[in-house]
N, C-alpha and C. Protein backbone atom coordinates (compact mmCIF):
# COMPACT_ATOMS: atom_id res chain seq x y z
N MET A 1 26.89 10.67 -19.13
CA MET A 1 25.32 10.46 -19.04
C MET A 1 25.37 8.61 -18.84
N LEU A 2 26.05 7.85 -19.50
CA LEU A 2 25.96 6.21 -18.91
C LEU A 2 26.54 6.29 -17.75
N LYS A 3 27.88 7.13 -16.70
CA LYS A 3 27.98 7.22 -15.74
C LYS A 3 27.25 7.29 -14.81
N GLU A 4 26.54 8.28 -15.11
CA GLU A 4 25.14 8.99 -14.10
C GLU A 4 24.10 7.90 -13.98
N PHE A 5 23.65 7.18 -15.18
CA PHE A 5 22.73 6.42 -15.26
C PHE A 5 22.85 5.31 -14.35
N LYS A 6 24.39 4.87 -14.58
CA LYS A 6 24.86 3.22 -14.16
C LYS A 6 24.60 3.44 -12.54
N GLU A 7 24.94 4.76 -12.03
CA GLU A 7 25.06 5.63 -10.28
C GLU A 7 23.66 5.44 -10.05
N PHE A 8 22.46 5.86 -10.62
CA PHE A 8 21.37 5.62 -10.82
C PHE A 8 20.90 4.69 -10.58
N ALA A 9 20.81 3.75 -11.21
CA ALA A 9 20.51 2.13 -11.38
C ALA A 9 21.26 1.61 -10.07
N MET A 10 22.01 1.92 -9.44
CA MET A 10 23.18 0.86 -8.60
C MET A 10 22.75 1.07 -7.07
N LYS A 11 21.60 2.51 -7.39
CA LYS A 11 21.48 3.03 -6.05
C LYS A 11 20.29 2.20 -5.18
N GLY A 12 20.82 2.18 -4.14
CA GLY A 12 19.82 0.84 -2.82
C GLY A 12 18.41 0.99 -3.49
N ASN A 13 17.97 2.04 -3.60
CA ASN A 13 16.76 2.60 -3.28
C ASN A 13 15.58 1.86 -4.88
N VAL A 14 16.96 1.99 -5.92
CA VAL A 14 16.16 1.79 -7.35
C VAL A 14 15.93 0.22 -7.04
N LEU A 15 17.23 -0.54 -6.78
CA LEU A 15 17.10 -1.75 -6.80
C LEU A 15 15.98 -2.66 -5.46
N ASP A 16 16.15 -1.54 -4.58
CA ASP A 16 14.49 -2.18 -3.39
C ASP A 16 13.52 -1.79 -4.37
N MET A 17 13.27 -1.05 -5.06
CA MET A 17 11.88 -0.44 -5.96
C MET A 17 11.78 -2.00 -6.97
N ALA A 18 12.81 -2.32 -7.73
CA ALA A 18 12.93 -3.48 -8.35
C ALA A 18 12.57 -4.68 -8.00
N ILE A 19 12.78 -5.18 -6.43
CA ILE A 19 12.57 -6.07 -6.09
C ILE A 19 11.18 -6.54 -5.59
N GLY A 20 10.82 -5.25 -5.18
CA GLY A 20 9.17 -4.46 -4.87
C GLY A 20 8.31 -5.02 -5.95
N VAL A 21 8.69 -4.73 -6.84
CA VAL A 21 7.65 -4.56 -7.80
C VAL A 21 7.76 -6.27 -8.37
N ILE A 22 8.86 -7.00 -8.74
CA ILE A 22 9.03 -8.23 -9.16
C ILE A 22 8.08 -9.06 -7.81
N ILE A 23 8.21 -8.41 -6.62
CA ILE A 23 7.54 -9.49 -5.63
C ILE A 23 5.86 -9.17 -5.51
N GLY A 24 5.50 -7.95 -5.90
CA GLY A 24 4.22 -7.37 -6.28
C GLY A 24 3.42 -8.36 -7.15
N GLY A 25 4.29 -8.23 -8.29
CA GLY A 25 3.87 -8.91 -9.41
C GLY A 25 3.33 -10.41 -8.91
N ALA A 26 4.29 -11.09 -8.26
CA ALA A 26 4.16 -12.30 -8.35
C ALA A 26 3.06 -12.80 -6.85
N PHE A 27 2.70 -11.55 -6.33
CA PHE A 27 1.83 -11.81 -5.24
C PHE A 27 0.55 -11.56 -6.14
N GLY A 28 0.67 -10.43 -6.59
CA GLY A 28 -0.64 -10.54 -7.24
C GLY A 28 -1.14 -11.57 -8.10
N LYS A 29 -0.15 -12.54 -8.71
CA LYS A 29 -0.64 -13.65 -9.23
C LYS A 29 -1.54 -14.72 -8.50
N ILE A 30 -0.39 -15.04 -7.02
CA ILE A 30 -0.95 -15.65 -5.87
C ILE A 30 -2.41 -15.40 -5.49
N VAL A 31 -2.81 -14.04 -5.25
CA VAL A 31 -4.07 -13.36 -4.61
C VAL A 31 -4.73 -13.73 -5.90
N SER A 32 -4.80 -13.33 -7.33
CA SER A 32 -5.85 -13.70 -8.07
C SER A 32 -6.05 -15.29 -8.23
N SER A 33 -5.15 -15.89 -7.64
CA SER A 33 -5.54 -17.25 -8.32
C SER A 33 -6.20 -17.78 -6.55
N LEU A 34 -5.89 -17.19 -5.93
CA LEU A 34 -6.53 -17.34 -4.65
C LEU A 34 -8.26 -17.23 -4.61
N VAL A 35 -8.31 -15.95 -5.54
CA VAL A 35 -9.62 -15.36 -5.35
C VAL A 35 -10.19 -16.15 -6.61
N SER A 36 -10.08 -16.46 -8.04
CA SER A 36 -10.71 -17.44 -9.11
C SER A 36 -11.15 -18.58 -8.41
N ASP A 37 -9.68 -19.27 -8.06
CA ASP A 37 -9.98 -20.36 -7.38
C ASP A 37 -10.31 -21.09 -5.83
N VAL A 38 -10.38 -20.73 -5.35
CA VAL A 38 -10.35 -20.63 -3.55
C VAL A 38 -11.76 -20.39 -2.97
N LEU A 39 -11.57 -18.48 -3.42
CA LEU A 39 -12.98 -17.67 -2.65
C LEU A 39 -13.95 -18.02 -3.45
N MET A 40 -13.98 -17.85 -4.80
CA MET A 40 -14.88 -17.24 -5.50
C MET A 40 -16.09 -18.93 -5.85
N PRO A 41 -15.11 -20.16 -6.15
CA PRO A 41 -16.03 -21.10 -6.47
C PRO A 41 -17.11 -21.60 -5.22
N PRO A 42 -16.84 -21.24 -3.82
CA PRO A 42 -17.61 -21.24 -2.88
C PRO A 42 -18.96 -20.26 -2.66
N LEU A 43 -18.22 -19.46 -2.53
CA LEU A 43 -18.79 -18.27 -3.09
C LEU A 43 -20.19 -18.07 -4.20
N GLY A 44 -19.79 -18.57 -5.30
CA GLY A 44 -20.87 -18.82 -6.28
C GLY A 44 -21.73 -20.45 -5.81
N LEU A 45 -21.33 -21.19 -5.08
CA LEU A 45 -21.99 -22.58 -5.08
C LEU A 45 -23.27 -21.60 -3.62
N LEU A 46 -22.36 -20.54 -2.85
CA LEU A 46 -23.26 -20.63 -2.02
C LEU A 46 -24.53 -19.55 -2.62
N MET A 47 -24.51 -18.90 -3.65
CA MET A 47 -25.55 -17.82 -4.28
C MET A 47 -26.08 -18.39 -5.40
N GLY A 48 -25.95 -20.08 -5.39
CA GLY A 48 -26.76 -20.52 -6.74
C GLY A 48 -26.24 -21.09 -7.71
N LYS A 49 -24.86 -21.93 -7.10
CA LYS A 49 -23.86 -22.26 -8.18
C LYS A 49 -23.93 -21.40 -9.38
N VAL A 50 -23.17 -20.13 -8.87
CA VAL A 50 -22.93 -18.97 -10.03
C VAL A 50 -21.61 -19.10 -10.06
N ASP A 51 -21.02 -19.09 -11.65
CA ASP A 51 -19.80 -18.97 -11.73
C ASP A 51 -19.16 -17.58 -11.92
N PHE A 52 -18.86 -16.56 -11.29
CA PHE A 52 -18.69 -14.85 -11.32
C PHE A 52 -17.72 -15.25 -12.75
N SER A 53 -16.76 -15.56 -13.12
CA SER A 53 -16.41 -15.51 -14.33
C SER A 53 -16.96 -15.79 -15.40
N SER A 54 -17.78 -16.46 -15.61
CA SER A 54 -18.55 -16.22 -16.22
C SER A 54 -20.13 -15.43 -16.68
N LEU A 55 -20.19 -14.63 -15.87
CA LEU A 55 -21.07 -13.40 -15.60
C LEU A 55 -20.89 -12.18 -16.71
N PHE A 56 -21.76 -11.78 -17.45
CA PHE A 56 -21.84 -11.19 -18.64
C PHE A 56 -22.90 -10.53 -19.09
N ILE A 57 -22.96 -9.47 -19.54
CA ILE A 57 -24.11 -8.65 -20.40
C ILE A 57 -23.53 -8.63 -21.77
N ASP A 58 -24.43 -9.32 -22.50
CA ASP A 58 -24.62 -9.51 -23.96
C ASP A 58 -25.22 -8.24 -24.89
N LEU A 59 -23.92 -7.10 -25.06
CA LEU A 59 -24.37 -6.19 -25.62
C LEU A 59 -25.05 -6.03 -27.41
N SER A 60 -24.48 -7.16 -27.77
CA SER A 60 -25.13 -7.60 -29.01
C SER A 60 -26.08 -7.71 -29.14
N ARG A 61 -27.18 -8.15 -28.37
CA ARG A 61 -28.64 -8.46 -28.42
C ARG A 61 -28.47 -9.84 -29.05
N THR A 62 -27.74 -10.96 -29.15
CA THR A 62 -27.57 -12.05 -29.59
C THR A 62 -27.66 -13.44 -29.18
N SER A 63 -27.59 -13.19 -27.96
CA SER A 63 -27.98 -14.08 -26.14
C SER A 63 -27.26 -15.57 -26.77
N PRO A 64 -25.71 -15.04 -26.77
CA PRO A 64 -25.04 -16.34 -27.02
C PRO A 64 -25.02 -17.07 -25.16
N PRO A 65 -24.93 -18.79 -25.46
CA PRO A 65 -25.01 -19.20 -24.36
C PRO A 65 -24.14 -19.06 -23.14
N SER A 66 -23.02 -18.43 -23.50
CA SER A 66 -21.42 -18.27 -22.14
C SER A 66 -20.59 -17.16 -22.92
N LEU A 67 -20.07 -16.64 -21.77
CA LEU A 67 -18.92 -15.35 -22.05
C LEU A 67 -18.06 -16.17 -23.56
N ALA A 68 -17.39 -17.63 -23.46
CA ALA A 68 -16.50 -18.05 -24.10
C ALA A 68 -17.20 -18.13 -25.69
N ALA A 69 -18.12 -18.78 -25.76
CA ALA A 69 -19.34 -18.54 -26.60
C ALA A 69 -19.46 -17.05 -27.71
N ALA A 70 -19.41 -16.22 -26.66
CA ALA A 70 -19.49 -14.70 -26.97
C ALA A 70 -18.71 -13.92 -27.30
N LYS A 71 -17.58 -14.51 -26.78
CA LYS A 71 -16.29 -14.08 -27.39
C LYS A 71 -15.44 -14.48 -28.89
N ALA A 72 -16.13 -15.66 -28.73
CA ALA A 72 -15.59 -16.39 -30.07
C ALA A 72 -16.15 -15.83 -31.23
N ALA A 73 -17.75 -15.62 -31.13
CA ALA A 73 -18.20 -14.65 -32.27
C ALA A 73 -18.19 -13.50 -32.17
N GLY A 74 -17.51 -12.88 -31.17
CA GLY A 74 -16.88 -11.25 -31.44
C GLY A 74 -18.16 -10.58 -31.16
N ALA A 75 -19.11 -11.15 -30.17
CA ALA A 75 -20.02 -9.83 -29.92
C ALA A 75 -19.71 -9.09 -28.42
N PRO A 76 -19.78 -7.73 -28.74
CA PRO A 76 -19.73 -7.20 -27.27
C PRO A 76 -20.24 -7.63 -25.93
N THR A 77 -19.21 -7.35 -25.12
CA THR A 77 -19.79 -7.72 -23.73
C THR A 77 -19.61 -7.11 -22.69
N LEU A 78 -20.26 -7.01 -21.35
CA LEU A 78 -19.62 -6.71 -20.42
C LEU A 78 -19.03 -7.67 -19.51
N ASN A 79 -18.30 -8.12 -19.21
CA ASN A 79 -17.94 -8.79 -18.19
C ASN A 79 -17.89 -8.73 -16.88
N TYR A 80 -18.85 -8.55 -16.22
CA TYR A 80 -18.66 -7.92 -14.79
C TYR A 80 -18.04 -8.59 -13.81
N GLY A 81 -18.63 -10.00 -14.23
CA GLY A 81 -18.15 -11.18 -13.25
C GLY A 81 -16.73 -10.97 -13.22
N VAL A 82 -15.85 -10.85 -14.32
CA VAL A 82 -14.67 -10.65 -14.02
C VAL A 82 -14.13 -9.48 -13.67
N PHE A 83 -14.92 -8.11 -13.46
CA PHE A 83 -14.61 -7.29 -12.74
C PHE A 83 -14.82 -7.12 -11.50
N LEU A 84 -15.72 -8.08 -10.97
CA LEU A 84 -16.20 -8.34 -9.23
C LEU A 84 -14.48 -9.15 -9.08
N GLN A 85 -14.28 -10.41 -9.37
CA GLN A 85 -13.26 -11.01 -9.45
C GLN A 85 -11.63 -9.89 -8.74
N SER A 86 -12.04 -9.16 -10.05
CA SER A 86 -10.77 -7.98 -9.55
C SER A 86 -10.54 -7.40 -8.81
N VAL A 87 -11.97 -6.73 -8.41
CA VAL A 87 -12.27 -5.97 -7.26
C VAL A 87 -11.63 -6.87 -6.10
N PHE A 88 -12.18 -8.13 -5.59
CA PHE A 88 -11.76 -8.94 -4.73
C PHE A 88 -10.38 -9.07 -4.52
N ASP A 89 -9.72 -9.21 -6.08
CA ASP A 89 -8.45 -8.86 -6.14
C ASP A 89 -7.67 -7.78 -4.99
N PHE A 90 -8.16 -6.89 -5.81
CA PHE A 90 -7.50 -5.31 -5.12
C PHE A 90 -7.78 -5.44 -3.81
N VAL A 91 -9.26 -5.73 -3.15
CA VAL A 91 -9.23 -5.71 -1.62
C VAL A 91 -8.17 -6.59 -0.98
N ILE A 92 -8.13 -7.68 -1.53
CA ILE A 92 -7.27 -8.71 -0.59
C ILE A 92 -5.93 -8.35 -0.69
N ILE A 93 -5.49 -7.43 -1.67
CA ILE A 93 -3.76 -6.94 -1.85
C ILE A 93 -3.82 -5.98 -0.75
N ALA A 94 -4.86 -4.85 -1.30
CA ALA A 94 -5.22 -3.66 -0.39
C ALA A 94 -4.97 -4.09 1.19
N PHE A 95 -5.46 -4.66 1.50
CA PHE A 95 -5.66 -5.48 3.18
C PHE A 95 -4.57 -6.05 3.73
N VAL A 96 -3.65 -6.51 2.38
CA VAL A 96 -2.17 -7.17 2.95
C VAL A 96 -1.15 -5.98 2.84
N ILE A 97 -1.38 -5.03 2.36
CA ILE A 97 -0.23 -3.99 2.18
C ILE A 97 -0.61 -3.13 3.52
N PHE A 98 -1.75 -2.88 3.76
CA PHE A 98 -2.42 -2.37 4.82
C PHE A 98 -2.13 -3.16 6.10
N MET A 99 -2.23 -4.13 6.35
CA MET A 99 -1.39 -4.98 7.50
C MET A 99 0.02 -4.76 7.82
N LEU A 100 1.06 -5.24 6.14
CA LEU A 100 1.83 -5.07 6.18
C LEU A 100 2.85 -3.70 6.73
N VAL A 101 2.23 -2.47 6.09
CA VAL A 101 2.73 -1.42 6.89
C VAL A 101 2.20 -1.14 7.80
N LYS A 102 1.21 -1.66 8.97
CA LYS A 102 1.15 -1.11 10.15
C LYS A 102 2.28 -1.78 11.07
N GLN A 103 2.37 -2.91 10.50
CA GLN A 103 3.33 -3.85 11.25
C GLN A 103 4.70 -3.19 11.40
N VAL A 104 5.19 -2.73 10.18
CA VAL A 104 6.36 -2.16 9.75
C VAL A 104 6.34 -0.62 10.55
N ASN A 105 5.01 -0.09 10.47
CA ASN A 105 5.09 1.20 11.42
C ASN A 105 5.52 0.77 12.63
N ARG A 106 4.76 -0.11 13.02
CA ARG A 106 4.82 -0.40 14.94
C ARG A 106 6.38 -1.09 15.30
N PHE A 107 7.40 -1.48 14.26
CA PHE A 107 8.43 -1.99 14.57
C PHE A 107 9.29 -0.33 14.48
N LYS A 108 9.15 0.28 13.60
CA LYS A 108 10.32 1.14 13.65
C LYS A 108 10.31 2.06 14.93
N LYS A 109 11.43 2.48 15.24
CA LYS A 109 11.85 3.26 16.01
C LYS A 109 10.94 4.34 16.37
N GLU A 110 10.82 4.77 17.29
CA GLU A 110 10.19 6.35 17.45
C GLU A 110 11.37 7.18 18.05
N THR A 111 11.25 8.26 17.17
CA THR A 111 12.34 9.26 17.84
C THR A 111 11.82 9.88 19.00
N PRO A 112 13.21 9.72 19.87
CA PRO A 112 13.13 10.24 21.12
C PRO A 112 12.49 12.08 21.36
N PRO A 113 11.62 12.48 22.07
CA PRO A 113 11.50 13.52 22.42
C PRO A 113 12.87 14.45 22.41
N PRO A 114 12.86 15.94 21.99
CA PRO A 114 14.30 16.41 22.34
C PRO A 114 14.06 16.77 23.90
N PRO A 115 15.51 17.16 24.64
CA PRO A 115 15.73 17.14 25.64
C PRO A 115 14.71 18.66 26.33
N PRO A 116 14.39 18.77 27.74
CA PRO A 116 13.54 19.35 28.28
C PRO A 116 14.46 20.69 28.26
N ALA A 117 14.25 22.10 28.03
CA ALA A 117 15.04 23.25 27.82
C ALA A 117 15.17 23.24 29.52
N PRO A 118 16.85 23.71 29.84
CA PRO A 118 17.04 24.07 31.14
C PRO A 118 15.97 24.93 31.94
N PRO A 119 16.32 24.96 32.90
CA PRO A 119 14.83 25.49 33.68
C PRO A 119 15.47 26.92 34.35
N GLU A 120 14.50 27.92 34.21
CA GLU A 120 15.10 29.46 34.12
C GLU A 120 15.14 30.00 35.83
N PRO A 121 16.33 30.42 36.05
CA PRO A 121 16.73 30.81 37.20
C PRO A 121 15.70 31.89 38.16
N SER A 122 15.96 31.44 39.10
CA SER A 122 14.74 32.02 40.18
C SER A 122 15.08 33.68 40.22
N ASN A 123 14.37 34.01 40.33
CA ASN A 123 14.53 35.61 41.14
C ASN A 123 15.76 35.75 42.14
N GLU A 124 16.10 35.37 43.32
CA GLU A 124 16.91 35.31 43.85
C GLU A 124 18.20 35.02 43.09
N GLU A 125 18.35 34.37 42.17
CA GLU A 125 19.22 33.73 41.32
C GLU A 125 19.68 34.99 40.40
N LYS A 126 18.68 35.61 39.78
CA LYS A 126 18.81 37.00 38.65
C LYS A 126 19.44 38.02 39.60
N LEU A 127 18.77 38.21 40.78
CA LEU A 127 19.46 39.13 41.59
C LEU A 127 20.71 39.21 41.88
N LEU A 128 21.06 38.15 42.09
CA LEU A 128 22.46 37.61 42.91
C LEU A 128 23.34 37.89 41.25
N MET A 129 22.91 37.48 40.27
CA MET A 129 23.90 37.97 39.16
C MET A 129 24.10 38.88 39.10
N GLU A 130 22.93 40.16 39.14
CA GLU A 130 22.63 41.44 38.37
C GLU A 130 24.21 41.89 39.77
N ILE A 131 23.43 41.54 41.13
CA ILE A 131 24.75 42.19 42.09
C ILE A 131 26.15 41.75 41.60
N ARG A 132 26.40 40.78 41.27
CA ARG A 132 27.86 40.25 40.88
C ARG A 132 28.37 41.09 39.58
N ASP A 133 27.37 41.21 38.69
CA ASP A 133 27.92 41.99 37.16
C ASP A 133 28.22 43.48 37.99
N LEU A 134 27.31 44.27 38.63
CA LEU A 134 27.48 45.20 39.35
C LEU A 134 29.32 45.29 40.01
N LEU A 135 29.17 44.33 40.64
CA LEU A 135 30.38 44.57 41.40
C LEU A 135 31.76 44.19 40.26
N LYS A 136 31.46 43.52 39.48
CA LYS A 136 32.54 43.42 38.55
C LYS A 136 32.77 44.51 37.77
N ASN A 137 31.91 45.33 37.55
CA ASN A 137 31.64 46.27 36.59
C ASN A 137 32.46 47.60 37.33
N ARG A 138 32.53 47.70 38.77
CA ARG A 138 32.88 48.72 39.78
C ARG A 138 34.45 48.84 39.86
N LYS A 139 35.03 47.79 39.51
CA LYS A 139 36.34 47.25 39.89
C LYS A 139 37.42 48.14 38.72
């Protein structure tokens, strides 16, 4: 059983997948930083100095001044600003993966079409073959 697992784990596809997961995790962190540190601040500025990461709805009705204060008090909140940032993260990652797959598919070799079937013999050729076969059988 250990030998089978070792063979499975050392197959190329499993190693490629593991490398892809590691690179994907690092890419996800880069995109999260891009969204939260580069894209959202100017977008918040354009929308009236809004910090999306601090947008929340207080469910306890105690009206804490900030999300950090609500979390410190243990008040239940709906953190829709953090959710919006996650949606932006997802959209960017999905777009990059789409572009990557599109490029990979562009460079894949297309399989050549199957060779055409040989043309059928003409009526004259068919008739000559019949005559030939009749003459062969006559002898």
